[in-house]
Amino acid sequence: MKLNKSLFSAAVIAGSLLAGQASANISASDFSKALRTVTGPAKVSVTVKDGVATLFGHVDSQFERLQAASAVEKIDGIDQVRNLLTY
């Protein structure tokens, strides 16, 4: 699948939100790699606190919503995903 540039940018920005989070050794690269498989979102952002990743934004379908959560869930250091993506 093609890398969605807006998703990649959102993942990089989201990863930067992790700076200072003592709970994780999670990088922006972890999110961009995990979310690379999801296509079509206009905007996705991720926050992480105490191992809980929260996904915000909009994707094109329920399938993409579930796929994004599944991809993030596989990142080392993520214990739980709160999926607040809309479609």
Protein backbone atom coordinates (compact mmCIF):
# COMPACT_ATOMS: atom_id res chain seq x y z
CA MET A 1 0.00 0.00 0.00
CA LYS A 2 1.09 3.55 -0.62
CA LEU A 3 2.22 5.70 2.27
CA ASN A 4 -0.37 8.38 2.90
CA LYS A 5 1.63 11.60 3.28
CA SER A 6 -0.86 13.24 5.59
CA LEU A 7 -0.93 10.17 7.79
CA PHE A 8 2.86 10.03 7.86
CA SER A 9 3.00 13.71 8.85
CA ALA A 10 0.38 13.16 11.54
CA ALA A 11 2.32 10.19 12.88
CA VAL A 12 5.54 12.19 13.02
CA ILE A 13 3.76 15.06 14.77
CA ALA A 14 2.06 12.61 17.11
CA GLY A 15 5.36 10.97 17.90
CA SER A 16 6.76 14.34 18.87
CA LEU A 17 4.02 14.57 21.49
CA LEU A 18 5.79 11.73 23.26
CA ALA A 19 8.74 13.88 24.23
CA GLY A 20 9.04 13.84 27.97
CA GLN A 21 6.80 10.80 28.45
CA ALA A 22 8.67 8.76 31.03
CA SER A 23 6.51 5.71 30.41
CA ALA A 24 7.69 4.86 26.94
CA ASN A 25 10.65 4.45 24.65
CA ILE A 26 8.35 5.05 21.71
CA SER A 27 9.52 7.10 18.76
CA ALA A 28 7.75 8.94 15.97
CA SER A 29 9.20 6.27 13.71
CA ASP A 30 7.28 3.59 15.63
CA PHE A 31 4.00 5.35 14.85
CA SER A 32 4.81 6.13 11.23
CA LYS A 33 5.77 2.49 10.60
CA ALA A 34 2.67 1.17 12.36
CA LEU A 35 0.24 3.53 10.67
CA ARG A 36 1.80 3.21 7.21
CA THR A 37 -0.62 0.38 6.42
CA VAL A 38 -3.66 2.61 6.90
CA THR A 39 -4.77 4.65 3.91
CA GLY A 40 -7.15 7.52 3.42
CA PRO A 41 -7.27 9.44 6.71
CA ALA A 42 -7.52 13.18 6.44
CA LYS A 43 -5.88 13.58 9.83
CA VAL A 44 -4.81 11.21 12.57
CA SER A 45 -3.11 12.19 15.80
CA VAL A 46 -1.89 10.06 18.66
CA THR A 47 -1.24 10.86 22.29
CA VAL A 48 0.39 8.47 24.74
CA LYS A 49 0.26 8.52 28.50
CA ASP A 50 1.25 5.67 30.79
CA GLY A 51 1.24 3.15 27.94
CA VAL A 52 -2.22 4.15 26.71
CA ALA A 53 -2.32 5.44 23.12
CA THR A 54 -5.34 7.52 22.14
CA LEU A 55 -6.12 7.92 18.44
CA PHE A 56 -7.95 11.05 17.28
CA GLY A 57 -9.03 12.14 13.84
CA HIS A 58 -10.95 10.93 10.81
CA VAL A 59 -10.46 7.99 8.46
CA ASP A 60 -12.42 6.82 5.43
CA SER A 61 -13.96 3.63 6.84
CA GLN A 62 -14.57 1.41 9.84
CA PHE A 63 -11.96 -0.95 8.41
CA GLU A 64 -9.29 1.79 8.48
CA ARG A 65 -10.37 2.76 11.99
CA LEU A 66 -9.86 -0.79 13.24
CA GLN A 67 -6.67 -1.26 11.22
CA ALA A 68 -5.11 1.87 12.73
CA ALA A 69 -5.86 0.71 16.28
CA SER A 70 -4.50 -2.75 15.55
CA ALA A 71 -1.27 -1.32 14.12
CA VAL A 72 -0.68 0.98 17.09
CA GLU A 73 -1.52 -1.80 19.55
CA LYS A 74 1.49 -3.77 18.26
CA ILE A 75 4.03 -1.06 19.18
CA ASP A 76 6.27 -2.01 22.09
CA GLY A 77 5.35 0.08 25.10
CA ILE A 78 1.68 0.43 24.17
CA ASP A 79 -0.50 -1.44 26.65
CA GLN A 80 -3.89 -0.15 25.52
CA VAL A 81 -5.40 1.78 22.61
CA ARG A 82 -8.34 4.14 22.93
CA ASN A 83 -9.70 4.47 19.42
CA LEU A 84 -11.56 7.76 19.04
CA LEU A 85 -11.20 7.85 15.24
CA THR A 86 -14.34 8.70 13.31
CA TYR A 87 -15.32 7.76 9.77
